[in-house]
Amino acid sequence: MALPLDVLEKSVNQKLSLLLKDGRSIDGKLSGYDEYMNMVLVDVEETHGENKRRLGTIILRGNNVVSISLS
């Protein structure tokens, strides 16, 4: 089984889809991360229900993430 930080290391500069605890979905390119799984994402688009909006560059706190998948 792969460790989460190992997966993030291999995913730098790749598009990710993240599901957050509050039900929102975030799609963006992983620019960086730290040991707490806080992430910097660029070219981000947020989806919540039927609503979509562009966020640009964000810093996402790791404890808000439920799942991560490659886009």
C-alpha atoms as a PDB file:
ATOM      1  CA  MET A   1       0.000   0.000   0.000  1.00  0.00           C
ATOM      2  CA  ALA A   2       1.270   3.460  -0.897  1.00  0.00           C
ATOM      3  CA  LEU A   3       1.666   6.076   1.811  1.00  0.00           C
ATOM      4  CA  PRO A   4      -0.284   9.328   1.267  1.00  0.00           C
ATOM      5  CA  LEU A   5       2.803  11.559   1.173  1.00  0.00           C
ATOM      6  CA  ASP A   6       4.444   9.250  -1.375  1.00  0.00           C
ATOM      7  CA  VAL A   7       1.375   9.566  -3.596  1.00  0.00           C
ATOM      8  CA  LEU A   8       1.445  13.366  -3.264  1.00  0.00           C
ATOM      9  CA  GLU A   9       5.135  13.433  -4.141  1.00  0.00           C
ATOM     10  CA  LYS A  10       4.429  11.583  -7.390  1.00  0.00           C
ATOM     11  CA  SER A  11       1.444  13.861  -8.105  1.00  0.00           C
ATOM     12  CA  VAL A  12       3.244  17.225  -8.089  1.00  0.00           C
ATOM     13  CA  ASN A  13       2.441  19.142 -11.309  1.00  0.00           C
ATOM     14  CA  GLN A  14      -0.453  16.797 -12.101  1.00  0.00           C
ATOM     15  CA  LYS A  15      -4.205  17.468 -12.126  1.00  0.00           C
ATOM     16  CA  LEU A  16      -6.030  16.200  -9.023  1.00  0.00           C
ATOM     17  CA  SER A  17      -9.651  15.893  -7.988  1.00  0.00           C
ATOM     18  CA  LEU A  18     -10.300  16.282  -4.275  1.00  0.00           C
ATOM     19  CA  LEU A  19     -13.464  15.686  -2.281  1.00  0.00           C
ATOM     20  CA  LEU A  20     -13.758  17.903   0.804  1.00  0.00           C
ATOM     21  CA  LYS A  21     -15.533  17.207   4.093  1.00  0.00           C
ATOM     22  CA  ASP A  22     -18.276  19.744   3.336  1.00  0.00           C
ATOM     23  CA  GLY A  23     -19.197  18.031   0.047  1.00  0.00           C
ATOM     24  CA  ARG A  24     -17.377  20.380  -2.332  1.00  0.00           C
ATOM     25  CA  SER A  25     -15.164  19.032  -5.111  1.00  0.00           C
ATOM     26  CA  ILE A  26     -11.916  20.749  -6.034  1.00  0.00           C
ATOM     27  CA  ASP A  27     -10.091  20.163  -9.326  1.00  0.00           C
ATOM     28  CA  GLY A  28      -6.646  21.652  -9.815  1.00  0.00           C
ATOM     29  CA  LYS A  29      -2.954  21.122 -10.437  1.00  0.00           C
ATOM     30  CA  LEU A  30      -0.857  20.241  -7.381  1.00  0.00           C
ATOM     31  CA  SER A  31       1.953  22.760  -7.005  1.00  0.00           C
ATOM     32  CA  GLY A  32       3.253  21.742  -3.569  1.00  0.00           C
ATOM     33  CA  TYR A  33       2.440  20.172  -0.201  1.00  0.00           C
ATOM     34  CA  ASP A  34       3.833  19.700   3.306  1.00  0.00           C
ATOM     35  CA  GLU A  35       4.027  16.883   5.865  1.00  0.00           C
ATOM     36  CA  TYR A  36       0.507  17.719   7.127  1.00  0.00           C
ATOM     37  CA  MET A  37      -0.892  17.248   3.599  1.00  0.00           C
ATOM     38  CA  ASN A  38      -1.615  20.967   3.276  1.00  0.00           C
ATOM     39  CA  MET A  39      -1.565  21.583  -0.462  1.00  0.00           C
ATOM     40  CA  VAL A  40      -1.007  24.444  -2.881  1.00  0.00           C
ATOM     41  CA  LEU A  41      -3.204  24.017  -5.956  1.00  0.00           C
ATOM     42  CA  VAL A  42      -3.236  26.165  -9.099  1.00  0.00           C
ATOM     43  CA  ASP A  43      -5.874  26.567 -11.828  1.00  0.00           C
ATOM     44  CA  VAL A  44      -8.527  25.450  -9.338  1.00  0.00           C
ATOM     45  CA  GLU A  45     -12.201  24.959 -10.102  1.00  0.00           C
ATOM     46  CA  GLU A  46     -14.638  24.319  -7.236  1.00  0.00           C
ATOM     47  CA  THR A  47     -17.889  22.386  -7.698  1.00  0.00           C
ATOM     48  CA  HIS A  48     -20.657  22.424  -5.108  1.00  0.00           C
ATOM     49  CA  GLY A  49     -23.859  20.823  -6.317  1.00  0.00           C
ATOM     50  CA  GLU A  50     -24.673  22.418  -9.672  1.00  0.00           C
ATOM     51  CA  ASN A  51     -22.526  25.516  -8.993  1.00  0.00           C
ATOM     52  CA  LYS A  52     -19.001  25.842 -10.410  1.00  0.00           C
ATOM     53  CA  ARG A  53     -16.515  28.640  -9.900  1.00  0.00           C
ATOM     54  CA  ARG A  54     -12.885  29.307 -10.686  1.00  0.00           C
ATOM     55  CA  LEU A  55     -10.666  30.001  -7.702  1.00  0.00           C
ATOM     56  CA  GLY A  56      -7.221  30.330  -9.277  1.00  0.00           C
ATOM     57  CA  THR A  57      -4.477  29.471  -6.768  1.00  0.00           C
ATOM     58  CA  ILE A  58      -5.415  28.187  -3.303  1.00  0.00           C
ATOM     59  CA  ILE A  59      -3.815  26.753  -0.188  1.00  0.00           C
ATOM     60  CA  LEU A  60      -5.909  23.842   1.064  1.00  0.00           C
ATOM     61  CA  ARG A  61      -5.608  22.599   4.620  1.00  0.00           C
ATOM     62  CA  GLY A  62      -5.030  18.835   4.614  1.00  0.00           C
ATOM     63  CA  ASN A  63      -7.573  17.952   7.310  1.00  0.00           C
ATOM     64  CA  ASN A  64     -10.431  19.140   5.045  1.00  0.00           C
ATOM     65  CA  VAL A  65      -9.714  16.465   2.417  1.00  0.00           C
ATOM     66  CA  VAL A  66     -11.711  13.226   2.322  1.00  0.00           C
ATOM     67  CA  SER A  67     -10.270  11.746  -0.887  1.00  0.00           C
ATOM     68  CA  ILE A  68      -7.780  12.524  -3.649  1.00  0.00           C
ATOM     69  CA  SER A  69      -7.735  11.097  -7.156  1.00  0.00           C
ATOM     70  CA  LEU A  70      -5.790  11.822 -10.330  1.00  0.00           C
ATOM     71  CA  SER A  71      -7.849  13.610 -12.987  1.00  0.00           C
END
